[in-house]
N, C-alpha and C. Protein backbone atom coordinates (compact mmCIF):
# COMPACT_ATOMS: atom_id res chain seq x y z
N MET A 1 -35.40 55.23 72.47
CA MET A 1 -35.52 54.26 71.93
C MET A 1 -35.70 54.08 70.35
N GLU A 2 -36.81 54.82 69.60
CA GLU A 2 -36.95 55.12 68.35
C GLU A 2 -36.37 55.40 67.65
N THR A 3 -35.52 56.60 68.59
CA THR A 3 -34.30 57.15 67.44
C THR A 3 -32.96 56.12 67.38
N LEU A 4 -32.52 55.00 68.20
CA LEU A 4 -31.75 54.33 68.35
C LEU A 4 -32.01 53.29 67.28
N ILE A 5 -33.57 52.80 66.87
CA ILE A 5 -33.63 51.93 66.39
C ILE A 5 -33.65 52.58 64.84
N ARG A 6 -33.98 53.95 64.45
CA ARG A 6 -34.03 54.53 63.02
C ARG A 6 -32.63 54.43 62.85
N ARG A 7 -31.80 54.91 63.54
CA ARG A 7 -30.14 55.31 63.06
C ARG A 7 -29.47 53.99 63.26
N LEU A 8 -29.59 52.84 63.96
CA LEU A 8 -28.89 51.65 63.94
C LEU A 8 -29.49 50.45 63.14
N GLY A 9 -30.82 50.53 62.87
CA GLY A 9 -31.46 49.50 61.87
C GLY A 9 -30.74 48.41 62.36
N CYS A 10 -30.85 47.21 61.44
CA CYS A 10 -30.48 46.04 62.01
C CYS A 10 -29.78 45.40 63.21
N HIS A 11 -28.80 46.54 63.20
CA HIS A 11 -27.67 46.86 64.31
C HIS A 11 -28.40 46.98 65.76
N PHE A 12 -29.61 47.37 65.88
CA PHE A 12 -30.09 47.53 67.08
C PHE A 12 -29.85 47.03 68.22
N LEU A 13 -30.25 45.50 67.90
CA LEU A 13 -30.04 44.41 69.16
C LEU A 13 -28.71 44.27 69.27
N ASP A 14 -27.78 44.60 68.46
CA ASP A 14 -26.29 44.23 69.03
C ASP A 14 -25.66 45.41 69.86
N VAL A 15 -26.81 46.60 70.45
CA VAL A 15 -25.86 47.56 71.23
C VAL A 15 -26.42 47.09 73.04
N PHE A 16 -27.48 46.32 72.85
CA PHE A 16 -27.72 45.85 73.98
C PHE A 16 -26.56 44.60 74.84
N LYS A 17 -25.90 43.97 73.98
CA LYS A 17 -24.93 42.93 74.22
C LYS A 17 -23.73 43.64 75.04
N LEU A 18 -23.63 45.22 74.75
CA LEU A 18 -22.57 46.40 75.36
C LEU A 18 -22.90 46.52 76.70
N ILE A 19 -24.06 46.47 77.09
CA ILE A 19 -24.60 47.10 78.28
C ILE A 19 -24.63 45.82 79.19
N ASP A 20 -25.31 44.84 79.11
CA ASP A 20 -25.45 43.72 79.85
C ASP A 20 -24.32 42.93 80.54
N SER A 21 -23.53 43.50 80.35
CA SER A 21 -21.97 42.39 81.02
C SER A 21 -21.97 42.19 82.24
N ASP A 22 -22.72 43.23 82.97
CA ASP A 22 -22.52 43.00 84.44
C ASP A 22 -23.87 42.30 84.97
N MET A 23 -24.73 42.58 84.27
CA MET A 23 -26.13 41.73 85.14
C MET A 23 -26.15 40.61 85.18
N SER A 24 -27.05 40.04 86.04
CA SER A 24 -26.88 38.79 87.06
C SER A 24 -28.57 38.62 86.95
N PRO A 25 -29.20 37.56 86.30
CA PRO A 25 -30.82 37.02 86.66
C PRO A 25 -31.35 37.56 88.30
N ASN A 26 -32.41 38.14 88.07
CA ASN A 26 -33.13 38.28 88.91
C ASN A 26 -34.23 37.17 89.70
N SER A 27 -35.04 37.91 90.67
CA SER A 27 -36.07 36.88 91.07
C SER A 27 -37.35 36.99 89.81
N HIS A 28 -37.52 38.06 89.37
CA HIS A 28 -38.15 37.70 88.06
C HIS A 28 -37.57 36.98 87.09
N HIS A 29 -36.30 36.76 86.35
CA HIS A 29 -35.54 36.09 85.85
C HIS A 29 -36.01 34.37 86.13
N HIS A 30 -35.41 34.35 87.43
CA HIS A 30 -36.14 33.11 87.83
C HIS A 30 -37.01 32.64 87.89
N TRP A 31 -38.10 33.33 88.00
CA TRP A 31 -39.74 33.36 88.19
C TRP A 31 -39.97 32.42 86.61
N PHE A 32 -39.40 33.36 85.76
CA PHE A 32 -40.08 32.89 84.25
C PHE A 32 -38.99 31.76 83.87
N ALA A 33 -38.16 31.16 84.08
CA ALA A 33 -37.39 30.36 84.17
C ALA A 33 -37.86 29.23 84.40
N ASP A 34 -38.13 29.24 85.94
CA ASP A 34 -38.92 28.35 86.48
C ASP A 34 -40.81 27.88 85.50
N ASN A 35 -41.17 28.75 85.21
CA ASN A 35 -42.32 28.74 85.02
C ASN A 35 -42.39 28.12 83.22
N ILE A 36 -41.20 28.56 82.89
CA ILE A 36 -40.85 27.87 81.52
C ILE A 36 -40.50 26.29 81.21
N ILE A 37 -39.83 26.24 82.34
CA ILE A 37 -39.80 25.21 82.68
C ILE A 37 -40.72 23.83 82.84
N LEU A 38 -41.61 24.55 83.25
CA LEU A 38 -42.71 24.14 83.90
C LEU A 38 -43.92 23.70 83.05
N LYS A 39 -43.54 24.34 81.53
CA LYS A 39 -44.02 24.65 80.66
C LYS A 39 -45.29 25.43 80.68
N LYS A 40 -45.33 26.25 81.60
CA LYS A 40 -46.57 27.04 81.12
C LYS A 40 -46.54 28.10 80.31
N PHE A 41 -45.23 28.35 79.61
CA PHE A 41 -45.31 29.16 78.53
C PHE A 41 -44.74 27.98 77.44
N PRO A 42 -45.49 27.61 76.59
CA PRO A 42 -44.82 26.56 75.49
C PRO A 42 -43.70 26.98 74.82
N VAL A 43 -43.98 28.32 73.91
CA VAL A 43 -42.93 28.62 73.87
C VAL A 43 -42.10 29.76 73.77
N VAL A 44 -40.95 30.24 73.86
CA VAL A 44 -40.58 31.46 74.66
C VAL A 44 -39.35 31.93 73.92
N ILE A 45 -39.78 33.02 72.85
CA ILE A 45 -38.62 33.67 72.02
C ILE A 45 -38.26 35.01 72.32
N THR A 46 -37.00 35.03 72.58
CA THR A 46 -36.45 36.40 73.66
C THR A 46 -35.61 37.04 72.56
N THR A 47 -35.10 38.54 72.91
CA THR A 47 -34.43 39.16 71.87
C THR A 47 -32.81 39.14 72.03
N CYS A 48 -32.63 38.72 73.52
CA CYS A 48 -31.62 38.75 73.90
C CYS A 48 -30.88 40.13 74.73
N ILE A 49 -32.18 40.97 74.98
CA ILE A 49 -31.73 42.20 74.96
C ILE A 49 -30.81 42.51 76.19
N ASP A 50 -31.01 41.56 77.36
CA ASP A 50 -30.02 41.00 78.11
C ASP A 50 -29.77 39.66 78.36
N VAL A 51 -28.99 38.88 78.98
CA VAL A 51 -29.03 37.36 79.09
C VAL A 51 -29.27 37.21 80.07
N CYS A 52 -30.07 37.94 81.26
CA CYS A 52 -30.42 37.28 82.30
C CYS A 52 -31.35 36.39 82.14
N LEU A 53 -32.45 36.08 81.37
CA LEU A 53 -33.23 35.24 81.40
C LEU A 53 -32.45 33.60 80.97
N GLU A 54 -31.59 33.90 79.46
CA GLU A 54 -30.77 32.68 79.26
C GLU A 54 -30.22 32.39 80.29
N THR A 55 -29.34 32.96 81.06
CA THR A 55 -28.54 32.82 82.01
C THR A 55 -29.25 32.11 83.61
N ALA A 56 -30.60 32.46 83.86
CA ALA A 56 -31.36 31.92 84.66
C ALA A 56 -31.77 30.19 84.26
N LEU A 57 -31.94 30.63 82.94
CA LEU A 57 -32.44 28.94 82.22
C LEU A 57 -31.23 28.04 82.18
N SER A 58 -29.83 28.64 82.14
CA SER A 58 -28.60 27.47 81.98
C SER A 58 -28.48 27.22 83.51
N GLN A 59 -28.80 28.04 84.36
CA GLN A 59 -28.39 27.37 85.60
C GLN A 59 -29.42 26.37 86.07
N LYS A 60 -30.60 26.37 85.47
CA LYS A 60 -31.61 25.50 85.90
C LYS A 60 -31.48 24.22 84.91
N GLY A 61 -30.27 24.40 83.84
CA GLY A 61 -30.17 23.06 82.76
C GLY A 61 -30.78 23.17 81.57
N VAL A 62 -31.48 23.96 81.27
CA VAL A 62 -32.34 24.17 79.81
C VAL A 62 -31.11 25.44 79.42
N THR A 63 -30.96 24.58 78.08
CA THR A 63 -29.90 25.40 77.11
C THR A 63 -30.97 25.99 75.79
N PRO A 64 -30.87 27.38 75.82
CA PRO A 64 -31.56 27.92 74.71
C PRO A 64 -31.59 27.70 73.47
N ILE A 65 -32.14 27.94 72.42
CA ILE A 65 -31.54 27.44 70.96
C ILE A 65 -31.41 29.27 70.22
N TYR A 66 -30.00 29.28 70.03
CA TYR A 66 -29.32 30.61 69.40
C TYR A 66 -29.67 30.64 68.20
N LEU A 67 -30.57 31.50 67.50
CA LEU A 67 -30.61 31.50 66.30
C LEU A 67 -29.89 32.30 65.58
N SER A 68 -29.25 32.03 64.18
CA SER A 68 -28.33 32.76 63.69
C SER A 68 -28.76 33.67 62.52
N GLY A 69 -29.90 33.38 62.02
CA GLY A 69 -30.60 34.37 60.93
C GLY A 69 -30.28 33.36 59.64
N ASP A 70 -29.42 32.62 59.49
CA ASP A 70 -29.18 31.60 58.82
C ASP A 70 -30.43 30.33 58.16
N ILE A 71 -31.26 30.62 57.54
CA ILE A 71 -32.29 29.99 57.70
C ILE A 71 -31.84 28.23 57.45
N SER A 72 -31.01 28.24 57.05
CA SER A 72 -30.58 26.62 56.74
C SER A 72 -30.28 25.83 58.10
N LYS A 73 -29.22 26.79 58.59
CA LYS A 73 -28.59 26.43 59.96
C LYS A 73 -29.52 26.40 61.21
N ASP A 74 -30.47 27.45 60.99
CA ASP A 74 -31.89 27.43 62.23
C ASP A 74 -32.63 26.70 62.00
N LYS A 75 -32.69 26.02 60.58
CA LYS A 75 -34.02 25.13 60.52
C LYS A 75 -33.10 23.76 60.94
N GLU A 76 -31.83 23.27 60.84
CA GLU A 76 -31.19 22.36 61.60
C GLU A 76 -31.34 22.21 62.74
N LEU A 77 -31.05 23.21 63.61
CA LEU A 77 -31.27 23.41 65.16
C LEU A 77 -32.67 23.22 65.68
N MET A 78 -33.82 23.88 64.84
CA MET A 78 -35.22 23.57 65.18
C MET A 78 -35.56 21.89 65.14
N GLU A 79 -34.99 21.15 63.93
CA GLU A 79 -35.41 20.03 63.68
C GLU A 79 -34.52 19.06 64.75
N ILE A 80 -33.67 19.36 65.54
CA ILE A 80 -32.84 18.61 66.27
C ILE A 80 -33.79 18.66 67.54
N GLN A 81 -34.13 19.63 67.62
CA GLN A 81 -34.76 19.95 68.99
C GLN A 81 -36.35 19.20 69.14
N SER A 82 -37.10 19.23 68.01
CA SER A 82 -38.14 18.62 67.76
C SER A 82 -38.27 16.96 68.10
N HIS A 83 -36.95 16.59 68.08
CA HIS A 83 -36.86 15.29 68.49
C HIS A 83 -36.64 14.82 69.65
N VAL A 84 -36.15 15.89 70.45
CA VAL A 84 -36.28 15.89 72.05
C VAL A 84 -37.22 15.57 72.72
N VAL A 85 -37.22 14.79 73.66
CA VAL A 85 -38.36 13.99 74.45
C VAL A 85 -38.48 15.43 75.60
N GLU A 86 -40.13 15.79 75.65
CA GLU A 86 -40.07 16.76 76.50
C GLU A 86 -39.28 17.94 76.50
N PRO A 87 -39.18 18.57 74.98
CA PRO A 87 -38.22 19.57 74.93
C PRO A 87 -38.91 20.88 75.83
N VAL A 88 -38.13 21.95 76.00
CA VAL A 88 -38.31 22.97 76.23
C VAL A 88 -37.97 24.12 75.27
N HIS A 89 -38.79 24.82 74.34
CA HIS A 89 -38.69 25.40 73.28
C HIS A 89 -38.45 27.32 73.95
N VAL A 90 -37.36 27.52 73.90
CA VAL A 90 -36.32 28.83 74.15
C VAL A 90 -35.61 29.06 72.94
N PHE A 91 -36.33 29.84 72.28
CA PHE A 91 -35.41 30.63 70.98
C PHE A 91 -34.58 32.04 71.26
N VAL A 92 -33.47 32.32 71.28
CA VAL A 92 -32.87 33.60 71.17
C VAL A 92 -32.80 34.00 69.82
N ALA A 93 -33.56 34.99 69.61
CA ALA A 93 -33.22 35.65 68.30
C ALA A 93 -32.86 36.90 68.30
N ALA A 94 -31.30 37.13 68.38
CA ALA A 94 -30.84 38.26 68.74
C ALA A 94 -30.20 39.03 67.57
N SER A 95 -31.04 38.58 66.44
CA SER A 95 -30.79 39.97 65.16
C SER A 95 -32.19 39.98 64.38
N PHE A 96 -32.47 40.72 63.67
CA PHE A 96 -33.42 40.87 62.86
C PHE A 96 -33.71 39.19 62.05
N ALA A 97 -32.64 39.33 61.34
CA ALA A 97 -32.76 38.09 60.82
C ALA A 97 -32.86 36.80 61.21
N ALA A 98 -32.75 36.68 62.38
CA ALA A 98 -33.13 35.49 63.26
C ALA A 98 -34.58 35.44 63.38
N ILE A 99 -35.13 36.41 63.74
CA ILE A 99 -36.82 36.94 63.88
C ILE A 99 -37.18 36.49 62.66
N LYS A 100 -36.87 37.04 61.80
CA LYS A 100 -37.53 36.70 60.26
C LYS A 100 -37.28 34.91 59.96
N VAL A 101 -36.14 34.50 60.80
CA VAL A 101 -36.14 32.85 60.41
C VAL A 101 -37.19 32.14 61.01
N ILE A 102 -37.49 32.71 62.66
CA ILE A 102 -38.57 32.14 63.36
C ILE A 102 -39.68 32.30 62.25
N THR A 103 -40.72 33.31 62.15
CA THR A 103 -41.42 33.65 61.28
C THR A 103 -41.65 32.68 59.78
N GLN A 104 -40.38 32.20 59.24
CA GLN A 104 -40.38 31.26 58.50
C GLN A 104 -40.44 29.70 58.61
N LEU A 105 -40.02 29.65 59.83
CA LEU A 105 -40.14 28.13 60.37
C LEU A 105 -41.05 27.91 61.66
N ASN A 106 -41.38 28.76 61.59
CA ASN A 106 -42.84 28.52 62.63
C ASN A 106 -43.58 27.43 62.90
N ASN A 107 -43.66 26.55 61.59
CA ASN A 107 -44.46 25.42 61.69
C ASN A 107 -43.30 24.20 62.78
N LEU A 108 -42.23 24.22 62.63
CA LEU A 108 -41.43 23.26 63.11
C LEU A 108 -41.05 23.82 64.90
N ILE A 109 -41.80 24.87 65.45
CA ILE A 109 -41.91 25.30 66.80
C ILE A 109 -42.93 24.57 67.42
N GLY A 110 -42.75 23.52 68.50
CA GLY A 110 -43.78 22.83 69.66
C GLY A 110 -44.18 21.57 68.81
N LYS A 111 -43.20 21.23 67.76
CA LYS A 111 -43.45 19.87 67.27
C LYS A 111 -43.82 18.64 68.24
C-alpha cells in the first residue's frame, strides 16, 4: 500500500475506483448506513475506496455529498446541506484535494 501511495501520489485513490465495480454492500455497510441515519455518527467522511457504503446509504434514501476538491463548489454544496432540516452529514472525499477542502471548510460541517 505504501508503495502505491509513493508512486501514484495524489492519484492513489483513483486506483480503487477500478477495483470496486462489481462490489455490493454487505451487512457491515448496511449496519453503518443504518447507524449513520440514526445519527450515531454525527459526520461521516469517506474516501470512496469502494462505493459500498455510499450504495447502502443511497438504497436507504440518503445521498452523500461528493466533494470535488474545488473549494468554491464544495463550499456551496456544504452550505446547501447546512440548511436541510435534520441533515445526515456524509461527505465523499475521493481525492486528496477534496480531503483538503474538508479541513478548510470544517466549520460548515454539522451546522
